[in-house]
C-alpha atoms as a PDB file:
ATOM      1  CA  MET A   1       0.000   0.000   0.000  1.00  0.00           C
ATOM      2  CA  PRO A   2       1.192   3.491  -0.677  1.00  0.00           C
ATOM      3  CA  ARG A   3       2.539   5.210   2.382  1.00  0.00           C
ATOM      4  CA  ALA A   4       0.216   7.929   3.685  1.00  0.00           C
ATOM      5  CA  VAL A   5       1.637  11.407   3.484  1.00  0.00           C
ATOM      6  CA  SER A   6       0.523  14.053   5.951  1.00  0.00           C
ATOM      7  CA  PRO A   7      -0.210  17.552   4.623  1.00  0.00           C
ATOM      8  CA  ASP A   8       2.942  19.650   4.473  1.00  0.00           C
ATOM      9  CA  THR A   9       2.482  23.311   5.373  1.00  0.00           C
ATOM     10  CA  SER A  10       5.968  24.351   4.306  1.00  0.00           C
ATOM     11  CA  LEU A  11       7.014  25.463   0.878  1.00  0.00           C
ATOM     12  CA  ARG A  12       9.694  23.791  -1.158  1.00  0.00           C
ATOM     13  CA  PRO A  13      13.136  24.826   0.184  1.00  0.00           C
ATOM     14  CA  SER A  14      14.180  25.979  -3.271  1.00  0.00           C
ATOM     15  CA  ALA A  15      11.295  28.475  -3.229  1.00  0.00           C
ATOM     16  CA  ARG A  16      12.266  30.177  -0.014  1.00  0.00           C
ATOM     17  CA  ARG A  17      13.319  33.838   0.210  1.00  0.00           C
ATOM     18  CA  GLU A  18      12.127  34.677  -3.313  1.00  0.00           C
ATOM     19  CA  GLY A  19      10.262  37.722  -2.067  1.00  0.00           C
ATOM     20  CA  ALA A  20      10.530  40.335   0.647  1.00  0.00           C
ATOM     21  CA  VAL A  21       8.544  40.820   3.840  1.00  0.00           C
ATOM     22  CA  THR A  22       7.082  44.266   3.248  1.00  0.00           C
ATOM     23  CA  ILE A  23       4.314  46.290   4.832  1.00  0.00           C
ATOM     24  CA  GLY A  24       2.129  45.520   1.826  1.00  0.00           C
ATOM     25  CA  VAL A  25       2.376  41.739   2.045  1.00  0.00           C
ATOM     26  CA  LEU A  26       1.824  41.756   5.813  1.00  0.00           C
ATOM     27  CA  ARG A  27      -1.263  43.942   5.422  1.00  0.00           C
ATOM     28  CA  ALA A  28      -2.638  41.711   2.652  1.00  0.00           C
ATOM     29  CA  PHE A  29      -2.132  38.611   4.803  1.00  0.00           C
ATOM     30  CA  VAL A  30      -3.821  40.108   7.880  1.00  0.00           C
ATOM     31  CA  GLU A  31      -6.740  41.541   5.920  1.00  0.00           C
ATOM     32  CA  ALA A  32      -7.263  38.270   4.035  1.00  0.00           C
ATOM     33  CA  PHE A  33      -7.647  36.241   7.223  1.00  0.00           C
ATOM     34  CA  GLU A  34      -9.650  38.848   9.132  1.00  0.00           C
ATOM     35  CA  HIS A  35     -12.181  39.126   6.281  1.00  0.00           C
ATOM     36  CA  GLY A  36     -12.189  35.408   5.546  1.00  0.00           C
ATOM     37  CA  SER A  37     -11.476  35.706   1.820  1.00  0.00           C
ATOM     38  CA  PHE A  38      -9.153  37.284  -0.687  1.00  0.00           C
ATOM     39  CA  SER A  39     -12.033  39.059  -2.443  1.00  0.00           C
ATOM     40  CA  LYS A  40     -13.307  40.786   0.709  1.00  0.00           C
ATOM     41  CA  ALA A  41      -9.775  41.821   1.665  1.00  0.00           C
ATOM     42  CA  ALA A  42      -9.281  43.195  -1.842  1.00  0.00           C
ATOM     43  CA  GLN A  43     -12.493  45.201  -1.527  1.00  0.00           C
ATOM     44  CA  GLU A  44     -11.367  46.601   1.824  1.00  0.00           C
ATOM     45  CA  LEU A  45      -7.960  47.644   0.468  1.00  0.00           C
ATOM     46  CA  GLY A  46      -9.292  48.850  -2.878  1.00  0.00           C
ATOM     47  CA  VAL A  47      -7.281  46.439  -5.036  1.00  0.00           C
ATOM     48  CA  SER A  48      -8.037  43.385  -7.150  1.00  0.00           C
ATOM     49  CA  GLN A  49      -8.569  39.893  -5.701  1.00  0.00           C
ATOM     50  CA  PRO A  50      -5.542  38.456  -7.570  1.00  0.00           C
ATOM     51  CA  ASN A  51      -3.433  41.224  -6.064  1.00  0.00           C
ATOM     52  CA  ILE A  52      -4.222  40.082  -2.519  1.00  0.00           C
ATOM     53  CA  SER A  53      -3.684  36.403  -3.392  1.00  0.00           C
ATOM     54  CA  ASN A  54      -0.326  37.235  -4.984  1.00  0.00           C
ATOM     55  CA  GLN A  55       0.749  39.336  -1.991  1.00  0.00           C
ATOM     56  CA  VAL A  56       0.026  36.487   0.410  1.00  0.00           C
ATOM     57  CA  SER A  57       1.933  34.110  -1.854  1.00  0.00           C
ATOM     58  CA  VAL A  58       4.890  36.492  -1.865  1.00  0.00           C
ATOM     59  CA  LEU A  59       4.884  36.502   1.944  1.00  0.00           C
ATOM     60  CA  GLU A  60       4.762  32.720   2.054  1.00  0.00           C
ATOM     61  CA  GLN A  61       7.624  32.485  -0.449  1.00  0.00           C
ATOM     62  CA  ALA A  62       9.656  34.981   1.569  1.00  0.00           C
ATOM     63  CA  LEU A  63       9.129  33.088   4.832  1.00  0.00           C
ATOM     64  CA  GLY A  64       9.366  29.662   3.224  1.00  0.00           C
ATOM     65  CA  ILE A  65       6.248  28.327   4.923  1.00  0.00           C
ATOM     66  CA  ARG A  66       2.550  27.986   4.165  1.00  0.00           C
ATOM     67  CA  LEU A  67       0.439  30.431   6.167  1.00  0.00           C
ATOM     68  CA  ILE A  68      -3.117  30.010   4.867  1.00  0.00           C
ATOM     69  CA  ASN A  69      -5.203  26.946   4.046  1.00  0.00           C
ATOM     70  CA  ARG A  70      -7.035  27.953   0.902  1.00  0.00           C
ATOM     71  CA  ARG A  71      -9.622  25.155   0.804  1.00  0.00           C
ATOM     72  CA  GLY A  72     -13.023  25.350   2.429  1.00  0.00           C
ATOM     73  CA  PRO A  73     -15.692  28.052   2.600  1.00  0.00           C
ATOM     74  CA  ALA A  74     -13.370  30.435   4.436  1.00  0.00           C
ATOM     75  CA  LEU A  75      -9.658  30.881   4.715  1.00  0.00           C
ATOM     76  CA  SER A  76      -7.983  29.316   7.731  1.00  0.00           C
ATOM     77  CA  LEU A  77      -4.523  29.652   9.157  1.00  0.00           C
ATOM     78  CA  THR A  78      -1.930  26.951   9.484  1.00  0.00           C
ATOM     79  CA  ASP A  79      -0.154  26.541  12.804  1.00  0.00           C
ATOM     80  CA  ALA A  80       2.673  28.672  11.507  1.00  0.00           C
ATOM     81  CA  GLY A  81       0.168  31.130  10.054  1.00  0.00           C
ATOM     82  CA  ARG A  82      -1.400  31.743  13.466  1.00  0.00           C
ATOM     83  CA  GLU A  83       1.989  32.579  14.961  1.00  0.00           C
ATOM     84  CA  VAL A  84       2.872  34.877  12.067  1.00  0.00           C
ATOM     85  CA  PHE A  85      -0.591  36.501  12.145  1.00  0.00           C
ATOM     86  CA  VAL A  86      -0.200  37.621  15.766  1.00  0.00           C
ATOM     87  CA  ARG A  87       3.200  39.143  15.070  1.00  0.00           C
ATOM     88  CA  ALA A  88       2.069  40.686  11.795  1.00  0.00           C
ATOM     89  CA  ARG A  89      -0.738  42.531  13.568  1.00  0.00           C
ATOM     90  CA  ILE A  90       1.744  43.822  16.166  1.00  0.00           C
ATOM     91  CA  ALA A  91       4.144  44.900  13.399  1.00  0.00           C
ATOM     92  CA  LEU A  92       1.367  46.744  11.536  1.00  0.00           C
ATOM     93  CA  ALA A  93       0.299  48.483  14.741  1.00  0.00           C
ATOM     94  CA  LYS A  94       3.885  49.679  15.269  1.00  0.00           C
ATOM     95  CA  ILE A  95       4.061  50.834  11.669  1.00  0.00           C
ATOM     96  CA  ALA A  96       0.830  52.776  12.211  1.00  0.00           C
ATOM     97  CA  GLU A  97       2.499  54.458  15.195  1.00  0.00           C
ATOM     98  CA  ILE A  98       5.513  55.336  13.052  1.00  0.00           C
ATOM     99  CA  GLU A  99       3.252  56.777  10.361  1.00  0.00           C
ATOM    100  CA  SER A 100       1.360  58.798  12.971  1.00  0.00           C
ATOM    101  CA  VAL A 101       4.556  60.217  14.469  1.00  0.00           C
ATOM    102  CA  SER A 102       5.906  60.988  10.993  1.00  0.00           C
ATOM    103  CA  HIS A 103       2.664  62.785  10.162  1.00  0.00           C
ATOM    104  CA  ASP A 104       3.009  64.896  13.321  1.00  0.00           C
ATOM    105  CA  PHE A 105       6.566  65.851  12.323  1.00  0.00           C
ATOM    106  CA  ARG A 106       5.537  66.648   8.741  1.00  0.00           C
ATOM    107  CA  THR A 107       2.650  68.816   9.892  1.00  0.00           C
ATOM    108  CA  LEU A 108       4.764  70.482  12.624  1.00  0.00           C
ATOM    109  CA  HIS A 109       2.655  69.179  15.497  1.00  0.00           C
ATOM    110  CA  GLN A 110       5.730  67.587  17.043  1.00  0.00           C
ATOM    111  CA  GLY A 111       9.491  68.076  16.886  1.00  0.00           C
ATOM    112  CA  ARG A 112      12.484  69.876  18.284  1.00  0.00           C
ATOM    113  CA  LEU A 113      14.513  72.728  16.859  1.00  0.00           C
ATOM    114  CA  ALA A 114      17.913  73.814  18.191  1.00  0.00           C
ATOM    115  CA  VAL A 115      18.623  77.460  17.352  1.00  0.00           C
ATOM    116  CA  GLY A 116      21.740  79.479  18.047  1.00  0.00           C
ATOM    117  CA  PHE A 117      22.161  83.254  17.899  1.00  0.00           C
ATOM    118  CA  SER A 118      24.925  85.760  18.461  1.00  0.00           C
ATOM    119  CA  SER A 119      22.680  88.610  19.658  1.00  0.00           C
ATOM    120  CA  PRO A 120      19.021  88.522  20.711  1.00  0.00           C
ATOM    121  CA  GLN A 121      17.518  91.606  19.059  1.00  0.00           C
ATOM    122  CA  ILE A 122      16.318  89.911  15.846  1.00  0.00           C
ATOM    123  CA  PRO A 123      16.225  86.210  16.882  1.00  0.00           C
ATOM    124  CA  VAL A 124      14.112  86.462  20.045  1.00  0.00           C
ATOM    125  CA  PRO A 125      11.046  88.038  18.352  1.00  0.00           C
ATOM    126  CA  LEU A 126      11.363  85.458  15.554  1.00  0.00           C
ATOM    127  CA  LEU A 127      11.485  82.635  18.084  1.00  0.00           C
ATOM    128  CA  GLY A 128       8.385  84.072  19.733  1.00  0.00           C
ATOM    129  CA  ARG A 129       6.471  84.183  16.454  1.00  0.00           C
ATOM    130  CA  PHE A 130       7.516  80.646  15.581  1.00  0.00           C
ATOM    131  CA  ARG A 131       6.529  79.349  19.023  1.00  0.00           C
ATOM    132  CA  ASN A 132       3.090  80.965  18.772  1.00  0.00           C
ATOM    133  CA  THR A 133       2.565  79.512  15.287  1.00  0.00           C
ATOM    134  CA  TYR A 134       3.916  75.994  15.902  1.00  0.00           C
ATOM    135  CA  GLN A 135       3.277  75.241  19.556  1.00  0.00           C
ATOM    136  CA  GLY A 136       4.116  71.547  19.217  1.00  0.00           C
ATOM    137  CA  ILE A 137       7.756  72.272  18.327  1.00  0.00           C
ATOM    138  CA  GLU A 138      10.150  72.386  21.261  1.00  0.00           C
ATOM    139  CA  LEU A 139      12.733  75.155  20.912  1.00  0.00           C
ATOM    140  CA  LEU A 140      16.262  74.859  22.298  1.00  0.00           C
ATOM    141  CA  THR A 141      18.553  77.879  22.137  1.00  0.00           C
ATOM    142  CA  ARG A 142      22.277  78.462  22.362  1.00  0.00           C
ATOM    143  CA  SER A 143      24.185  81.732  22.280  1.00  0.00           C
ATOM    144  CA  GLY A 144      27.723  82.353  21.083  1.00  0.00           C
ATOM    145  CA  ASN A 145      29.798  84.356  18.654  1.00  0.00           C
ATOM    146  CA  SER A 146      29.587  83.857  14.915  1.00  0.00           C
ATOM    147  CA  GLU A 147      32.503  81.444  14.637  1.00  0.00           C
ATOM    148  CA  GLN A 148      31.234  79.270  17.504  1.00  0.00           C
ATOM    149  CA  LEU A 149      27.773  79.074  15.959  1.00  0.00           C
ATOM    150  CA  ARG A 150      29.205  78.275  12.547  1.00  0.00           C
ATOM    151  CA  ARG A 151      31.105  75.318  14.040  1.00  0.00           C
ATOM    152  CA  ASP A 152      27.973  74.210  15.881  1.00  0.00           C
ATOM    153  CA  LEU A 153      26.091  74.148  12.570  1.00  0.00           C
ATOM    154  CA  LEU A 154      28.785  72.215  10.731  1.00  0.00           C
ATOM    155  CA  ASP A 155      29.038  69.714  13.599  1.00  0.00           C
ATOM    156  CA  CYS A 156      25.209  69.327  13.719  1.00  0.00           C
ATOM    157  CA  ARG A 157      24.956  70.542  17.314  1.00  0.00           C
ATOM    158  CA  ILE A 158      22.296  73.048  16.273  1.00  0.00           C
ATOM    159  CA  ASP A 159      19.805  73.152  13.384  1.00  0.00           C
ATOM    160  CA  LEU A 160      19.721  76.875  12.672  1.00  0.00           C
ATOM    161  CA  ALA A 161      21.867  79.867  13.564  1.00  0.00           C
ATOM    162  CA  MET A 162      21.328  83.611  13.368  1.00  0.00           C
ATOM    163  CA  PHE A 163      24.539  85.600  13.432  1.00  0.00           C
ATOM    164  CA  SER A 164      26.484  88.330  11.716  1.00  0.00           C
ATOM    165  CA  LEU A 165      28.724  87.608   8.740  1.00  0.00           C
ATOM    166  CA  LEU A 166      30.880  89.807   6.569  1.00  0.00           C
ATOM    167  CA  GLU A 167      29.553  87.822   3.594  1.00  0.00           C
ATOM    168  CA  PRO A 168      27.493  84.621   3.100  1.00  0.00           C
ATOM    169  CA  ASP A 169      29.260  81.388   4.020  1.00  0.00           C
ATOM    170  CA  ARG A 170      29.573  79.034   1.023  1.00  0.00           C
ATOM    171  CA  GLN A 171      29.233  75.938   3.208  1.00  0.00           C
ATOM    172  CA  LEU A 172      25.879  77.074   4.545  1.00  0.00           C
ATOM    173  CA  ALA A 173      22.492  78.069   3.178  1.00  0.00           C
ATOM    174  CA  CYS A 174      22.360  81.728   4.239  1.00  0.00           C
ATOM    175  CA  HIS A 175      19.367  84.087   4.271  1.00  0.00           C
ATOM    176  CA  LEU A 176      19.975  87.789   4.919  1.00  0.00           C
ATOM    177  CA  LEU A 177      17.741  89.085   7.713  1.00  0.00           C
ATOM    178  CA  ALA A 178      19.173  92.575   8.169  1.00  0.00           C
ATOM    179  CA  ASP A 179      22.036  94.883   7.256  1.00  0.00           C
ATOM    180  CA  LEU A 180      24.212  95.873  10.196  1.00  0.00           C
ATOM    181  CA  ASP A 181      26.267  99.017  10.743  1.00  0.00           C
ATOM    182  CA  LEU A 182      28.703  99.804  13.532  1.00  0.00           C
ATOM    183  CA  GLN A 183      28.099 102.463  16.158  1.00  0.00           C
ATOM    184  CA  LEU A 184      30.374 103.854  18.846  1.00  0.00           C
ATOM    185  CA  ILE A 185      29.300 103.026  22.407  1.00  0.00           C
ATOM    186  CA  VAL A 186      30.426 105.466  25.112  1.00  0.00           C
ATOM    187  CA  ARG A 187      29.502 106.262  28.720  1.00  0.00           C
ATOM    188  CA  LEU A 188      26.414 108.435  28.971  1.00  0.00           C
ATOM    189  CA  GLU A 189      28.331 111.262  30.659  1.00  0.00           C
ATOM    190  CA  ASP A 190      31.215 111.151  28.135  1.00  0.00           C
ATOM    191  CA  GLY A 191      30.928 114.526  26.399  1.00  0.00           C
ATOM    192  CA  ARG A 192      33.977 114.248  24.133  1.00  0.00           C
ATOM    193  CA  PHE A 193      31.942 113.118  21.119  1.00  0.00           C
ATOM    194  CA  GLY A 194      29.212 114.862  19.175  1.00  0.00           C
ATOM    195  CA  ASP A 195      26.333 113.338  17.226  1.00  0.00           C
ATOM    196  CA  LYS A 196      28.754 111.620  14.851  1.00  0.00           C
ATOM    197  CA  VAL A 197      32.354 110.519  15.153  1.00  0.00           C
ATOM    198  CA  PRO A 198      34.927 109.956  12.370  1.00  0.00           C
ATOM    199  CA  LEU A 199      36.645 106.578  12.293  1.00  0.00           C
ATOM    200  CA  ASP A 200      40.158 107.987  12.437  1.00  0.00           C
ATOM    201  CA  ARG A 201      39.284 109.577  15.781  1.00  0.00           C
ATOM    202  CA  LEU A 202      38.745 106.107  17.228  1.00  0.00           C
ATOM    203  CA  ALA A 203      42.254 104.929  16.410  1.00  0.00           C
ATOM    204  CA  GLU A 204      43.537 106.860  19.441  1.00  0.00           C
ATOM    205  CA  GLU A 205      40.812 105.705  21.838  1.00  0.00           C
ATOM    206  CA  PRO A 206      41.102 102.755  24.268  1.00  0.00           C
ATOM    207  CA  LEU A 207      38.744 100.259  22.619  1.00  0.00           C
ATOM    208  CA  VAL A 208      36.901  97.408  24.290  1.00  0.00           C
ATOM    209  CA  PHE A 209      36.767  94.419  21.943  1.00  0.00           C
ATOM    210  CA  ARG A 210      34.659  91.292  21.681  1.00  0.00           C
ATOM    211  CA  GLU A 211      36.412  87.922  21.874  1.00  0.00           C
ATOM    212  CA  PRO A 212      38.107  86.321  18.810  1.00  0.00           C
ATOM    213  CA  GLY A 213      35.525  84.678  16.571  1.00  0.00           C
ATOM    214  CA  SER A 214      33.165  87.643  16.783  1.00  0.00           C
ATOM    215  CA  VAL A 215      32.310  89.324  13.483  1.00  0.00           C
ATOM    216  CA  THR A 216      32.034  92.616  15.388  1.00  0.00           C
ATOM    217  CA  ARG A 217      35.676  92.218  16.345  1.00  0.00           C
ATOM    218  CA  ALA A 218      36.747  91.124  12.854  1.00  0.00           C
ATOM    219  CA  LEU A 219      35.052  94.111  11.214  1.00  0.00           C
ATOM    220  CA  THR A 220      36.462  96.544  13.781  1.00  0.00           C
ATOM    221  CA  GLU A 221      39.989  95.207  13.310  1.00  0.00           C
ATOM    222  CA  ALA A 222      39.691  95.343   9.517  1.00  0.00           C
ATOM    223  CA  THR A 223      38.415  98.918   9.723  1.00  0.00           C
ATOM    224  CA  LEU A 224      40.965 100.337  12.156  1.00  0.00           C
ATOM    225  CA  SER A 225      44.025  98.456  10.925  1.00  0.00           C
ATOM    226  CA  SER A 226      44.374 100.960   8.087  1.00  0.00           C
ATOM    227  CA  PHE A 227      45.172 103.714  10.586  1.00  0.00           C
ATOM    228  CA  GLY A 228      48.868 103.684  11.409  1.00  0.00           C
ATOM    229  CA  ASN A 229      48.412 105.034  14.927  1.00  0.00           C
ATOM    230  CA  TRP A 230      46.045 102.268  16.067  1.00  0.00           C
ATOM    231  CA  ARG A 231      47.690  99.997  18.601  1.00  0.00           C
ATOM    232  CA  GLY A 232      45.008  97.340  19.010  1.00  0.00           C
ATOM    233  CA  PRO A 233      42.360  96.659  21.637  1.00  0.00           C
ATOM    234  CA  ALA A 234      42.793  97.984  25.161  1.00  0.00           C
ATOM    235  CA  LEU A 235      40.544  95.270  26.639  1.00  0.00           C
ATOM    236  CA  THR A 236      38.982  92.044  25.369  1.00  0.00           C
ATOM    237  CA  VAL A 237      35.797  90.634  26.884  1.00  0.00           C
ATOM    238  CA  THR A 238      33.295  87.941  25.930  1.00  0.00           C
ATOM    239  CA  GLY A 239      29.854  88.919  24.632  1.00  0.00           C
ATOM    240  CA  ASN A 240      28.029  92.178  24.007  1.00  0.00           C
ATOM    241  CA  ALA A 241      26.782  92.446  27.585  1.00  0.00           C
ATOM    242  CA  ALA A 242      30.353  92.395  28.882  1.00  0.00           C
ATOM    243  CA  VAL A 243      31.328  95.076  26.351  1.00  0.00           C
ATOM    244  CA  VAL A 244      28.548  97.350  27.603  1.00  0.00           C
ATOM    245  CA  GLU A 245      29.553  96.709  31.232  1.00  0.00           C
ATOM    246  CA  ALA A 246      33.174  97.592  30.466  1.00  0.00           C
ATOM    247  CA  VAL A 247      32.186 100.828  28.706  1.00  0.00           C
ATOM    248  CA  ALA A 248      29.800 101.781  31.533  1.00  0.00           C
ATOM    249  CA  ALA A 249      32.638 101.190  34.002  1.00  0.00           C
ATOM    250  CA  GLY A 250      34.878 103.643  32.132  1.00  0.00           C
ATOM    251  CA  LEU A 251      37.326 101.052  30.787  1.00  0.00           C
ATOM    252  CA  GLY A 252      37.099 102.376  27.246  1.00  0.00           C
ATOM    253  CA  VAL A 253      34.748 102.845  24.316  1.00  0.00           C
ATOM    254  CA  ALA A 254      33.533 100.177  21.922  1.00  0.00           C
ATOM    255  CA  LEU A 255      32.155  99.523  18.475  1.00  0.00           C
ATOM    256  CA  LEU A 256      29.012  97.391  18.346  1.00  0.00           C
ATOM    257  CA  PHE A 257      26.393  96.821  15.699  1.00  0.00           C
ATOM    258  CA  ARG A 258      23.363  99.080  15.912  1.00  0.00           C
ATOM    259  CA  GLY A 259      20.998  97.933  18.643  1.00  0.00           C
ATOM    260  CA  GLU A 260      23.434  95.537  20.334  1.00  0.00           C
ATOM    261  CA  ALA A 261      23.973  97.829  23.321  1.00  0.00           C
ATOM    262  CA  GLY A 262      20.324  97.322  24.230  1.00  0.00           C
ATOM    263  CA  ASN A 263      18.505  99.858  26.402  1.00  0.00           C
ATOM    264  CA  ASP A 264      21.224 100.298  28.998  1.00  0.00           C
ATOM    265  CA  ARG A 265      20.879 103.896  30.221  1.00  0.00           C
ATOM    266  CA  ARG A 266      24.493 104.043  31.388  1.00  0.00           C
ATOM    267  CA  VAL A 267      25.773 104.239  27.813  1.00  0.00           C
ATOM    268  CA  ARG A 268      24.802 105.921  24.562  1.00  0.00           C
ATOM    269  CA  ALA A 269      25.341 105.068  20.888  1.00  0.00           C
ATOM    270  CA  ILE A 270      26.921 107.476  18.406  1.00  0.00           C
ATOM    271  CA  ASP A 271      26.771 107.079  14.626  1.00  0.00           C
ATOM    272  CA  ILE A 272      29.936 106.855  12.540  1.00  0.00           C
ATOM    273  CA  ALA A 273      30.545 109.791  10.224  1.00  0.00           C
ATOM    274  CA  GLY A 274      30.443 108.867   6.541  1.00  0.00           C
ATOM    275  CA  ALA A 275      29.880 105.281   5.418  1.00  0.00           C
ATOM    276  CA  ALA A 276      29.922 103.108   8.542  1.00  0.00           C
ATOM    277  CA  PRO A 277      31.494  99.643   8.232  1.00  0.00           C
ATOM    278  CA  ARG A 278      28.737  97.124   7.560  1.00  0.00           C
ATOM    279  CA  ALA A 279      27.997  93.414   7.784  1.00  0.00           C
ATOM    280  CA  GLY A 280      24.909  91.254   7.428  1.00  0.00           C
ATOM    281  CA  PHE A 281      22.811  89.418   9.984  1.00  0.00           C
ATOM    282  CA  TYR A 282      22.014  86.016   8.497  1.00  0.00           C
ATOM    283  CA  LEU A 283      19.840  83.009   9.195  1.00  0.00           C
ATOM    284  CA  ALA A 284      21.934  79.981   8.269  1.00  0.00           C
ATOM    285  CA  THR A 285      21.634  76.210   8.195  1.00  0.00           C
ATOM    286  CA  LEU A 286      23.208  73.248   6.446  1.00  0.00           C
ATOM    287  CA  PRO A 287      21.915  72.887   2.858  1.00  0.00           C
ATOM    288  CA  ASP A 288      20.626  69.366   3.597  1.00  0.00           C
ATOM    289  CA  ASN A 289      18.480  70.775   6.415  1.00  0.00           C
ATOM    290  CA  LEU A 290      16.352  72.778   3.996  1.00  0.00           C
ATOM    291  CA  LEU A 291      14.231  69.666   3.384  1.00  0.00           C
ATOM    292  CA  LEU A 292      13.260  69.324   7.059  1.00  0.00           C
ATOM    293  CA  PRO A 293       9.719  70.677   7.646  1.00  0.00           C
ATOM    294  CA  SER A 294      10.447  72.567  10.888  1.00  0.00           C
ATOM    295  CA  ILE A 295      13.532  74.280   9.455  1.00  0.00           C
ATOM    296  CA  ALA A 296      11.760  75.153   6.201  1.00  0.00           C
ATOM    297  CA  ALA A 297       8.886  76.632   8.227  1.00  0.00           C
ATOM    298  CA  PHE A 298      11.246  78.726  10.368  1.00  0.00           C
ATOM    299  CA  ILE A 299      13.048  80.099   7.311  1.00  0.00           C
ATOM    300  CA  GLU A 300       9.741  80.930   5.621  1.00  0.00           C
ATOM    301  CA  LEU A 301       8.532  82.761   8.713  1.00  0.00           C
ATOM    302  CA  ALA A 302      11.822  84.649   9.121  1.00  0.00           C
ATOM    303  CA  THR A 303      12.036  85.761   5.477  1.00  0.00           C
ATOM    304  CA  SER A 304       8.349  86.447   4.787  1.00  0.00           C
ATOM    305  CA  ASP A 305       8.389  90.119   5.809  1.00  0.00           C
END
């Protein structure tokens, strides 16, 4: 008598791994069993019945094992199929979570943006407008001079930076936010200067300088180095606030960009006679970052005026 052969739920070994386990084949498999037929699953997913049948076959070929018993009034799962079905449903639920999170990031309902700036006058109002518009985005800020912020951008420690530059940086995507001109900052009671001061007059003054890496310092040095009687900075401090404190304390005068002295009533700002040395205040990011929704939204908001 012929030897009885029990049904084999596995596929031929030579047929294994001919396809890939994708989201589509997992969804077709789960829908087919939950609806009890390929045709009903196809109707639910809006595709043809052969499409669902082929997708399930692809999954079986990829796993190398039969998942569904196709005979009978309704589809039934093999032992292996039941195990795979449970895990497939879990996998699809996780994928749905990923899609939901991705949607929140795309629509700016969730995310984080690290922003650096060298002075607060322009950035802080922009950050306020962005926060009011996109309340789901967490904002992290960092302050520093232009060179520090440039390194932070290139090393991916921050996403965006707003700082002064003598000219746009070729390694970065730069958007001009404002033109900047230098002003002389003196003690309020210092009566030696009128409404405007010539640059050559400053070559003999004790000047308080920002730290190396500051564009304010670089522009001041480039401007005054042409005067033969200039002997360099009398004092170097870190940050605009420290410059203002030094001037208010009588340690010298300083050149800062317009508005950077703030509203400190101990000092006053005097315009430069003639064409004042200028720079630009830029919003910058890495070129690859322009495709990120939160960064694109911030740039659009900052440059829309």
